[in-house]
PDB file of N, CA and C in Angstrom:
ATOM      1  N   UNK A   1       0.791  -1.201   0.000  1.00  0.00           N
ATOM      2  CA  UNK A   1       0.000   0.000   0.000  1.00  0.00           C
ATOM      3  C   UNK A   1       0.839   1.273   0.000  1.00  0.00           C
ATOM      4  N   UNK A   2       2.123   1.210  -0.253  1.00  0.00           N
ATOM      5  CA  UNK A   2       2.910   2.449  -0.258  1.00  0.00           C
ATOM      6  C   UNK A   2       2.409   3.452  -1.299  1.00  0.00           C
ATOM      7  N   UNK A   3       1.968   2.969  -2.477  1.00  0.00           N
ATOM      8  CA  UNK A   3       1.456   3.894  -3.498  1.00  0.00           C
ATOM      9  C   UNK A   3       0.254   4.655  -2.967  1.00  0.00           C
ATOM     10  N   UNK A   4      -0.653   3.951  -2.308  1.00  0.00           N
ATOM     11  CA  UNK A   4      -1.841   4.610  -1.758  1.00  0.00           C
ATOM     12  C   UNK A   4      -1.442   5.573  -0.651  1.00  0.00           C
ATOM     13  N   UNK A   5      -0.554   5.147   0.209  1.00  0.00           N
ATOM     14  CA  UNK A   5      -0.136   5.971   1.342  1.00  0.00           C
ATOM     15  C   UNK A   5       0.438   7.307   0.864  1.00  0.00           C
ATOM     16  N   UNK A   6       1.154   7.301  -0.249  1.00  0.00           N
ATOM     17  CA  UNK A   6       1.793   8.515  -0.754  1.00  0.00           C
ATOM     18  C   UNK A   6       0.965   9.231  -1.811  1.00  0.00           C
ATOM     19  N   UNK A   7      -0.184   8.681  -2.167  1.00  0.00           N
ATOM     20  CA  UNK A   7      -1.015   9.298  -3.208  1.00  0.00           C
ATOM     21  C   UNK A   7      -1.685  10.560  -2.689  1.00  0.00           C
ATOM     22  N   UNK A   8      -1.953  11.457  -3.607  1.00  0.00           N
ATOM     23  CA  UNK A   8      -2.653  12.701  -3.290  1.00  0.00           C
ATOM     24  C   UNK A   8      -3.781  12.871  -4.290  1.00  0.00           C
ATOM     25  N   UNK A   9      -5.007  13.078  -3.823  1.00  0.00           N
ATOM     26  CA  UNK A   9      -6.089  13.340  -4.764  1.00  0.00           C
ATOM     27  C   UNK A   9      -5.821  14.671  -5.457  1.00  0.00           C
ATOM     28  N   UNK A  10      -6.231  14.771  -6.696  1.00  0.00           N
ATOM     29  CA  UNK A  10      -5.946  15.951  -7.493  1.00  0.00           C
ATOM     30  C   UNK A  10      -7.236  16.623  -7.941  1.00  0.00           C
ATOM     31  N   UNK A  11      -7.271  17.976  -7.905  1.00  0.00           N
ATOM     32  CA  UNK A  11      -8.470  18.649  -8.398  1.00  0.00           C
ATOM     33  C   UNK A  11      -8.462  18.836  -9.919  1.00  0.00           C
ATOM     34  N   UNK A  12      -7.295  18.822 -10.558  1.00  0.00           N
ATOM     35  CA  UNK A  12      -7.234  19.073 -11.996  1.00  0.00           C
ATOM     36  C   UNK A  12      -6.105  18.277 -12.628  1.00  0.00           C
ATOM     37  N   UNK A  13      -6.384  17.129 -13.235  1.00  0.00           N
ATOM     38  CA  UNK A  13      -7.711  16.556 -13.421  1.00  0.00           C
ATOM     39  C   UNK A  13      -8.222  15.975 -12.102  1.00  0.00           C
ATOM     40  N   UNK A  14      -9.536  15.931 -11.963  1.00  0.00           N
ATOM     41  CA  UNK A  14     -10.139  15.439 -10.730  1.00  0.00           C
ATOM     42  C   UNK A  14      -9.852  13.942 -10.616  1.00  0.00           C
ATOM     43  N   UNK A  15      -9.083  13.579  -9.601  1.00  0.00           N
ATOM     44  CA  UNK A  15      -8.706  12.178  -9.388  1.00  0.00           C
ATOM     45  C   UNK A  15      -8.968  11.812  -7.937  1.00  0.00           C
ATOM     46  N   UNK A  16      -9.419  10.590  -7.743  1.00  0.00           N
ATOM     47  CA  UNK A  16      -9.581  10.053  -6.398  1.00  0.00           C
ATOM     48  C   UNK A  16      -8.793   8.762  -6.314  1.00  0.00           C
ATOM     49  N   UNK A  17      -8.506   8.332  -5.119  1.00  0.00           N
ATOM     50  CA  UNK A  17      -7.814   7.070  -4.898  1.00  0.00           C
ATOM     51  C   UNK A  17      -8.654   6.223  -3.958  1.00  0.00           C
ATOM     52  N   UNK A  18      -8.778   4.961  -4.294  1.00  0.00           N
ATOM     53  CA  UNK A  18      -9.559   4.046  -3.470  1.00  0.00           C
ATOM     54  C   UNK A  18      -8.844   2.700  -3.433  1.00  0.00           C
ATOM     55  N   UNK A  19      -8.738   2.133  -2.253  1.00  0.00           N
ATOM     56  CA  UNK A  19      -8.121   0.827  -2.069  1.00  0.00           C
ATOM     57  C   UNK A  19      -9.090  -0.044  -1.286  1.00  0.00           C
ATOM     58  N   UNK A  20      -9.287  -1.271  -1.749  1.00  0.00           N
ATOM     59  CA  UNK A  20     -10.135  -2.232  -1.057  1.00  0.00           C
ATOM     60  C   UNK A  20      -9.226  -3.233  -0.359  1.00  0.00           C
ATOM     61  N   UNK A  21      -9.421  -3.426   0.934  1.00  0.00           N
ATOM     62  CA  UNK A  21      -8.666  -4.397   1.709  1.00  0.00           C
ATOM     63  C   UNK A  21      -9.503  -5.667   1.808  1.00  0.00           C
ATOM     64  N   UNK A  22      -8.870  -6.799   1.557  1.00  0.00           N
ATOM     65  CA  UNK A  22      -9.563  -8.090   1.554  1.00  0.00           C
ATOM     66  C   UNK A  22      -9.082  -8.981   2.681  1.00  0.00           C
ATOM     67  N   UNK A  23      -9.980  -9.833   3.138  1.00  0.00           N
ATOM     68  CA  UNK A  23      -9.651 -10.950   4.012  1.00  0.00           C
ATOM     69  C   UNK A  23      -9.965 -12.176   3.173  1.00  0.00           C
ATOM     70  N   UNK A  24      -8.952 -12.750   2.545  1.00  0.00           N
ATOM     71  CA  UNK A  24      -9.183 -13.797   1.542  1.00  0.00           C
ATOM     72  C   UNK A  24      -9.820 -13.154   0.326  1.00  0.00           C
ATOM     73  N   UNK A  25     -11.030 -13.599  -0.028  1.00  0.00           N
ATOM     74  CA  UNK A  25     -11.729 -13.005  -1.162  1.00  0.00           C
ATOM     75  C   UNK A  25     -12.839 -12.049  -0.717  1.00  0.00           C
ATOM     76  N   UNK A  26     -12.998 -11.857   0.579  1.00  0.00           N
ATOM     77  CA  UNK A  26     -14.056 -11.003   1.107  1.00  0.00           C
ATOM     78  C   UNK A  26     -13.537  -9.586   1.316  1.00  0.00           C
ATOM     79  N   UNK A  27     -14.132  -8.589   0.655  1.00  0.00           N
ATOM     80  CA  UNK A  27     -13.727  -7.205   0.928  1.00  0.00           C
ATOM     81  C   UNK A  27     -14.181  -6.815   2.329  1.00  0.00           C
ATOM     82  N   UNK A  28     -13.257  -6.236   3.105  1.00  0.00           N
ATOM     83  CA  UNK A  28     -13.597  -5.894   4.486  1.00  0.00           C
ATOM     84  C   UNK A  28     -13.487  -4.400   4.781  1.00  0.00           C
ATOM     85  N   UNK A  29     -12.793  -3.654   3.906  1.00  0.00           N
ATOM     86  CA  UNK A  29     -12.641  -2.219   4.164  1.00  0.00           C
ATOM     87  C   UNK A  29     -12.323  -1.505   2.860  1.00  0.00           C
ATOM     88  N   UNK A  30     -12.883  -0.312   2.701  1.00  0.00           N
ATOM     89  CA  UNK A  30     -12.561   0.540   1.567  1.00  0.00           C
ATOM     90  C   UNK A  30     -11.946   1.812   2.121  1.00  0.00           C
ATOM     91  N   UNK A  31     -10.783   2.175   1.615  1.00  0.00           N
ATOM     92  CA  UNK A  31     -10.128   3.414   2.020  1.00  0.00           C
ATOM     93  C   UNK A  31     -10.120   4.350   0.817  1.00  0.00           C
ATOM     94  N   UNK A  32     -10.445   5.614   1.054  1.00  0.00           N
ATOM     95  CA  UNK A  32     -10.532   6.583  -0.041  1.00  0.00           C
ATOM     96  C   UNK A  32      -9.731   7.836   0.282  1.00  0.00           C
ATOM     97  N   UNK A  33      -9.234   8.449  -0.775  1.00  0.00           N
ATOM     98  CA  UNK A  33      -8.689   9.799  -0.698  1.00  0.00           C
ATOM     99  C   UNK A  33      -9.418  10.575  -1.781  1.00  0.00           C
ATOM    100  N   UNK A  34     -10.170  11.562  -1.343  1.00  0.00           N
ATOM    101  CA  UNK A  34     -10.951  12.355  -2.285  1.00  0.00           C
ATOM    102  C   UNK A  34     -10.797  13.836  -1.955  1.00  0.00           C
ATOM    103  N   UNK A  35     -10.999  14.675  -2.947  1.00  0.00           N
ATOM    104  CA  UNK A  35     -11.037  16.111  -2.691  1.00  0.00           C
ATOM    105  C   UNK A  35     -12.405  16.445  -2.113  1.00  0.00           C
ATOM    106  N   UNK A  36     -12.441  17.346  -1.185  1.00  0.00           N
ATOM    107  CA  UNK A  36     -13.696  17.754  -0.578  1.00  0.00           C
ATOM    108  C   UNK A  36     -14.531  18.589  -1.532  1.00  0.00           C
ATOM    109  N   UNK A  37     -15.822  18.652  -1.244  1.00  0.00           N
ATOM    110  CA  UNK A  37     -16.748  19.405  -2.083  1.00  0.00           C
ATOM    111  C   UNK A  37     -16.328  20.873  -2.191  1.00  0.00           C
ATOM    112  N   UNK A  38     -15.879  21.469  -1.097  1.00  0.00           N
ATOM    113  CA  UNK A  38     -15.464  22.873  -1.124  1.00  0.00           C
ATOM    114  C   UNK A  38     -14.273  23.073  -2.062  1.00  0.00           C
ATOM    115  N   UNK A  39     -13.328  22.146  -2.030  1.00  0.00           N
ATOM    116  CA  UNK A  39     -12.158  22.237  -2.902  1.00  0.00           C
ATOM    117  C   UNK A  39     -12.570  22.109  -4.375  1.00  0.00           C
ATOM    118  N   UNK A  40     -13.481  21.193  -4.660  1.00  0.00           N
ATOM    119  CA  UNK A  40     -13.964  21.008  -6.035  1.00  0.00           C
ATOM    120  C   UNK A  40     -14.704  22.258  -6.508  1.00  0.00           C
ATOM    121  N   UNK A  41     -15.531  22.835  -5.632  1.00  0.00           N
ATOM    122  CA  UNK A  41     -16.246  24.065  -6.006  1.00  0.00           C
ATOM    123  C   UNK A  41     -15.268  25.203  -6.269  1.00  0.00           C
ATOM    124  N   UNK A  42     -14.206  25.296  -5.467  1.00  0.00           N
ATOM    125  CA  UNK A  42     -13.249  26.390  -5.671  1.00  0.00           C
ATOM    126  C   UNK A  42     -12.483  26.214  -6.989  1.00  0.00           C
ATOM    127  N   UNK A  43     -12.291  24.975  -7.406  1.00  0.00           N
ATOM    128  CA  UNK A  43     -11.571  24.725  -8.663  1.00  0.00           C
ATOM    129  C   UNK A  43     -12.467  24.808  -9.893  1.00  0.00           C
ATOM    130  N   UNK A  44     -13.763  24.441  -9.751  1.00  0.00           N
ATOM    131  CA  UNK A  44     -14.634  24.304 -10.920  1.00  0.00           C
ATOM    132  C   UNK A  44     -15.897  25.163 -10.876  1.00  0.00           C
ATOM    133  N   UNK A  45     -16.130  25.890  -9.803  1.00  0.00           N
ATOM    134  CA  UNK A  45     -17.314  26.728  -9.704  1.00  0.00           C
ATOM    135  C   UNK A  45     -18.340  26.166  -8.734  1.00  0.00           C
ATOM    136  N   UNK A  46     -19.243  27.025  -8.308  1.00  0.00           N
ATOM    137  CA  UNK A  46     -20.219  26.676  -7.276  1.00  0.00           C
ATOM    138  C   UNK A  46     -21.119  25.502  -7.637  1.00  0.00           C
ATOM    139  N   UNK A  47     -21.416  25.298  -8.913  1.00  0.00           N
ATOM    140  CA  UNK A  47     -22.316  24.216  -9.324  1.00  0.00           C
ATOM    141  C   UNK A  47     -21.601  22.880  -9.532  1.00  0.00           C
ATOM    142  N   UNK A  48     -20.296  22.847  -9.308  1.00  0.00           N
ATOM    143  CA  UNK A  48     -19.507  21.651  -9.619  1.00  0.00           C
ATOM    144  C   UNK A  48     -19.669  20.525  -8.599  1.00  0.00           C
ATOM    145  N   UNK A  49     -20.088  20.836  -7.389  1.00  0.00           N
ATOM    146  CA  UNK A  49     -20.200  19.802  -6.357  1.00  0.00           C
ATOM    147  C   UNK A  49     -21.385  20.097  -5.467  1.00  0.00           C
ATOM    148  N   UNK A  50     -22.013  19.037  -5.028  1.00  0.00           N
ATOM    149  CA  UNK A  50     -23.129  19.163  -4.093  1.00  0.00           C
ATOM    150  C   UNK A  50     -22.626  19.040  -2.673  1.00  0.00           C
ATOM    151  N   UNK A  51     -23.441  18.401  -1.851  1.00  0.00           N
ATOM    152  CA  UNK A  51     -23.119  18.203  -0.446  1.00  0.00           C
ATOM    153  C   UNK A  51     -21.910  17.280  -0.298  1.00  0.00           C
ATOM    154  N   UNK A  52     -21.067  17.548   0.677  1.00  0.00           N
ATOM    155  CA  UNK A  52     -19.885  16.721   0.940  1.00  0.00           C
ATOM    156  C   UNK A  52     -20.312  15.291   1.265  1.00  0.00           C
ATOM    157  N   UNK A  53     -19.687  14.331   0.617  1.00  0.00           N
ATOM    158  CA  UNK A  53     -19.909  12.913   0.894  1.00  0.00           C
ATOM    159  C   UNK A  53     -18.588  12.322   1.380  1.00  0.00           C
ATOM    160  N   UNK A  54     -18.668  11.260   2.150  1.00  0.00           N
ATOM    161  CA  UNK A  54     -17.463  10.643   2.693  1.00  0.00           C
ATOM    162  C   UNK A  54     -17.294   9.238   2.124  1.00  0.00           C
ATOM    163  N   UNK A  55     -16.154   8.652   2.353  1.00  0.00           N
ATOM    164  CA  UNK A  55     -15.752   7.396   1.725  1.00  0.00           C
ATOM    165  C   UNK A  55     -16.819   6.299   1.781  1.00  0.00           C
ATOM    166  N   UNK A  56     -17.410   5.986   2.920  1.00  0.00           N
ATOM    167  CA  UNK A  56     -18.399   4.901   2.924  1.00  0.00           C
ATOM    168  C   UNK A  56     -19.584   5.179   1.991  1.00  0.00           C
ATOM    169  N   UNK A  57     -20.018   6.431   1.950  1.00  0.00           N
ATOM    170  CA  UNK A  57     -21.129   6.791   1.074  1.00  0.00           C
ATOM    171  C   UNK A  57     -20.715   6.692  -0.382  1.00  0.00           C
ATOM    172  N   UNK A  58     -19.528   7.200  -0.707  1.00  0.00           N
ATOM    173  CA  UNK A  58     -19.028   7.130  -2.084  1.00  0.00           C
ATOM    174  C   UNK A  58     -18.876   5.672  -2.508  1.00  0.00           C
ATOM    175  N   UNK A  59     -18.350   4.820  -1.623  1.00  0.00           N
ATOM    176  CA  UNK A  59     -18.188   3.396  -1.949  1.00  0.00           C
ATOM    177  C   UNK A  59     -19.543   2.748  -2.231  1.00  0.00           C
ATOM    178  N   UNK A  60     -20.565   3.060  -1.414  1.00  0.00           N
ATOM    179  CA  UNK A  60     -21.908   2.516  -1.658  1.00  0.00           C
ATOM    180  C   UNK A  60     -22.479   3.007  -2.978  1.00  0.00           C
ATOM    181  N   UNK A  61     -22.243   4.272  -3.319  1.00  0.00           N
ATOM    182  CA  UNK A  61     -22.735   4.822  -4.583  1.00  0.00           C
ATOM    183  C   UNK A  61     -22.064   4.143  -5.779  1.00  0.00           C
ATOM    184  N   UNK A  62     -20.744   3.947  -5.698  1.00  0.00           N
ATOM    185  CA  UNK A  62     -20.010   3.287  -6.783  1.00  0.00           C
ATOM    186  C   UNK A  62     -20.485   1.852  -6.938  1.00  0.00           C
ATOM    187  N   UNK A  63     -20.670   1.169  -5.812  1.00  0.00           N
ATOM    188  CA  UNK A  63     -21.140  -0.215  -5.833  1.00  0.00           C
ATOM    189  C   UNK A  63     -22.524  -0.307  -6.467  1.00  0.00           C
ATOM    190  N   UNK A  64     -23.435   0.580  -6.079  1.00  0.00           N
ATOM    191  CA  UNK A  64     -24.792   0.585  -6.640  1.00  0.00           C
ATOM    192  C   UNK A  64     -24.756   0.860  -8.145  1.00  0.00           C
ATOM    193  N   UNK A  65     -23.896   1.775  -8.560  1.00  0.00           N
ATOM    194  CA  UNK A  65     -23.778   2.079  -9.990  1.00  0.00           C
ATOM    195  C   UNK A  65     -23.239   0.871 -10.750  1.00  0.00           C
ATOM    196  N   UNK A  66     -22.236   0.187 -10.197  1.00  0.00           N
ATOM    197  CA  UNK A  66     -21.670  -0.998 -10.859  1.00  0.00           C
ATOM    198  C   UNK A  66     -22.724  -2.097 -10.996  1.00  0.00           C
ATOM    199  N   UNK A  67     -23.500  -2.323  -9.953  1.00  0.00           N
ATOM    200  CA  UNK A  67     -24.558  -3.344  -9.995  1.00  0.00           C
ATOM    201  C   UNK A  67     -25.579  -2.988 -11.066  1.00  0.00           C
ATOM    202  N   UNK A  68     -26.016  -1.729 -11.089  1.00  0.00           N
ATOM    203  CA  UNK A  68     -27.018  -1.301 -12.071  1.00  0.00           C
ATOM    204  C   UNK A  68     -26.493  -1.455 -13.494  1.00  0.00           C
ATOM    205  N   UNK A  69     -25.234  -1.081 -13.716  1.00  0.00           N
ATOM    206  CA  UNK A  69     -24.661  -1.184 -15.059  1.00  0.00           C
ATOM    207  C   UNK A  69     -24.490  -2.635 -15.488  1.00  0.00           C
ATOM    208  N   UNK A  70     -24.075  -3.507 -14.573  1.00  0.00           N
ATOM    209  CA  UNK A  70     -23.943  -4.926 -14.914  1.00  0.00           C
ATOM    210  C   UNK A  70     -25.306  -5.535 -15.238  1.00  0.00           C
ATOM    211  N   UNK A  71     -26.306  -5.199 -14.443  1.00  0.00           N
ATOM    212  CA  UNK A  71     -27.649  -5.725 -14.709  1.00  0.00           C
ATOM    213  C   UNK A  71     -28.172  -5.224 -16.048  1.00  0.00           C
ATOM    214  N   UNK A  72     -27.987  -3.933 -16.313  1.00  0.00           N
ATOM    215  CA  UNK A  72     -28.454  -3.359 -17.567  1.00  0.00           C
ATOM    216  C   UNK A  72     -27.714  -3.973 -18.758  1.00  0.00           C
ATOM    217  N   UNK A  73     -26.413  -4.127 -18.653  1.00  0.00           N
ATOM    218  CA  UNK A  73     -25.605  -4.660 -19.758  1.00  0.00           C
ATOM    219  C   UNK A  73     -25.925  -6.119 -20.052  1.00  0.00           C
ATOM    220  N   UNK A  74     -26.382  -6.843 -19.040  1.00  0.00           N
ATOM    221  CA  UNK A  74     -26.611  -8.276 -19.224  1.00  0.00           C
ATOM    222  C   UNK A  74     -28.089  -8.666 -19.213  1.00  0.00           C
ATOM    223  N   UNK A  75     -28.979  -7.705 -19.137  1.00  0.00           N
ATOM    224  CA  UNK A  75     -30.404  -8.028 -19.019  1.00  0.00           C
ATOM    225  C   UNK A  75     -30.940  -8.750 -20.252  1.00  0.00           C
ATOM    226  N   UNK A  76     -30.378  -8.522 -21.403  1.00  0.00           N
ATOM    227  CA  UNK A  76     -30.863  -9.140 -22.636  1.00  0.00           C
ATOM    228  C   UNK A  76     -30.202 -10.485 -22.936  1.00  0.00           C
ATOM    229  N   UNK A  77     -29.237 -10.880 -22.148  1.00  0.00           N
ATOM    230  CA  UNK A  77     -28.453 -12.074 -22.464  1.00  0.00           C
ATOM    231  C   UNK A  77     -28.992 -13.350 -21.828  1.00  0.00           C
ATOM    232  N   UNK A  78     -29.927 -13.238 -20.912  1.00  0.00           N
ATOM    233  CA  UNK A  78     -30.457 -14.436 -20.277  1.00  0.00           C
ATOM    234  C   UNK A  78     -29.504 -14.992 -19.237  1.00  0.00           C
ATOM    235  N   UNK A  79     -29.757 -16.239 -18.761  1.00  0.00           N
ATOM    236  CA  UNK A  79     -28.927 -16.835 -17.712  1.00  0.00           C
ATOM    237  C   UNK A  79     -27.461 -16.960 -18.136  1.00  0.00           C
ATOM    238  N   UNK A  80     -26.608 -16.696 -17.210  1.00  0.00           N
ATOM    239  CA  UNK A  80     -25.167 -16.782 -17.453  1.00  0.00           C
ATOM    240  C   UNK A  80     -24.543 -17.465 -16.234  1.00  0.00           C
ATOM    241  N   UNK A  81     -23.646 -18.429 -16.414  1.00  0.00           N
ATOM    242  CA  UNK A  81     -23.113 -19.182 -15.273  1.00  0.00           C
ATOM    243  C   UNK A  81     -22.333 -18.328 -14.274  1.00  0.00           C
ATOM    244  N   UNK A  82     -21.671 -17.281 -14.703  1.00  0.00           N
ATOM    245  CA  UNK A  82     -20.872 -16.480 -13.779  1.00  0.00           C
ATOM    246  C   UNK A  82     -21.629 -15.282 -13.231  1.00  0.00           C
ATOM    247  N   UNK A  83     -22.754 -14.924 -13.818  1.00  0.00           N
ATOM    248  CA  UNK A  83     -23.471 -13.710 -13.435  1.00  0.00           C
ATOM    249  C   UNK A  83     -23.907 -13.724 -11.965  1.00  0.00           C
ATOM    250  N   UNK A  84     -24.517 -14.814 -11.512  1.00  0.00           N
ATOM    251  CA  UNK A  84     -24.979 -14.889 -10.118  1.00  0.00           C
ATOM    252  C   UNK A  84     -23.801 -14.760  -9.157  1.00  0.00           C
ATOM    253  N   UNK A  85     -22.685 -15.430  -9.467  1.00  0.00           N
ATOM    254  CA  UNK A  85     -21.501 -15.361  -8.610  1.00  0.00           C
ATOM    255  C   UNK A  85     -20.961 -13.930  -8.562  1.00  0.00           C
ATOM    256  N   UNK A  86     -20.840 -13.273  -9.714  1.00  0.00           N
ATOM    257  CA  UNK A  86     -20.320 -11.913  -9.764  1.00  0.00           C
ATOM    258  C   UNK A  86     -21.221 -10.961  -8.990  1.00  0.00           C
ATOM    259  N   UNK A  87     -22.520 -11.038  -9.218  1.00  0.00           N
ATOM    260  CA  UNK A  87     -23.435 -10.144  -8.495  1.00  0.00           C
ATOM    261  C   UNK A  87     -23.406 -10.417  -6.998  1.00  0.00           C
ATOM    262  N   UNK A  88     -23.261 -11.682  -6.586  1.00  0.00           N
ATOM    263  CA  UNK A  88     -23.194 -11.959  -5.144  1.00  0.00           C
ATOM    264  C   UNK A  88     -21.921 -11.392  -4.543  1.00  0.00           C
ATOM    265  N   UNK A  89     -20.823 -11.376  -5.307  1.00  0.00           N
ATOM    266  CA  UNK A  89     -19.574 -10.801  -4.807  1.00  0.00           C
ATOM    267  C   UNK A  89     -19.691  -9.289  -4.607  1.00  0.00           C
ATOM    268  N   UNK A  90     -20.291  -8.591  -5.590  1.00  0.00           N
ATOM    269  CA  UNK A  90     -20.326  -7.142  -5.465  1.00  0.00           C
ATOM    270  C   UNK A  90     -21.489  -6.638  -4.638  1.00  0.00           C
ATOM    271  N   UNK A  91     -22.460  -7.503  -4.349  1.00  0.00           N
ATOM    272  CA  UNK A  91     -23.567  -7.056  -3.496  1.00  0.00           C
ATOM    273  C   UNK A  91     -23.372  -7.439  -2.037  1.00  0.00           C
ATOM    274  N   UNK A  92     -22.291  -8.130  -1.714  1.00  0.00           N
ATOM    275  CA  UNK A  92     -22.030  -8.435  -0.311  1.00  0.00           C
ATOM    276  C   UNK A  92     -21.645  -7.138   0.402  1.00  0.00           C
ATOM    277  N   UNK A  93     -21.977  -7.010   1.682  1.00  0.00           N
ATOM    278  CA  UNK A  93     -21.691  -5.759   2.409  1.00  0.00           C
ATOM    279  C   UNK A  93     -20.199  -5.489   2.497  1.00  0.00           C
ATOM    280  N   UNK A  94     -19.838  -4.228   2.408  1.00  0.00           N
ATOM    281  CA  UNK A  94     -18.424  -3.833   2.598  1.00  0.00           C
ATOM    282  C   UNK A  94     -18.196  -3.517   4.036  1.00  0.00           C
TER     283      UNK A  94
END
C-alpha cells in the first residue's frame, strides 16, 4: 500500500484514490482519498459539487452504480453461469 499511502487526490484533473482491503476473497474495508466538495467548487465553480460525501457513502454509490450497469448490460443475455456469482460478490456488504 505504499502507493496509496503517498497518493494525493488531485483537483485538476479530478482524481480520487480508493483501495479495497480483503480478508481472503471477502472485501472488508474501503479506504478513499478524495477532494472535498469545497475544494472542487473552488476549482470548478459553485455548481460543480453538491453536499460533501465521505468514503463509505461514495463506496456505496459506486457499488450501486456498478450493480445497475452490470444488470443493464446483461439483461438481454439471459442466464449466465458467472453472473450470479459476480453479483453476489459485489452485493455483499463492505
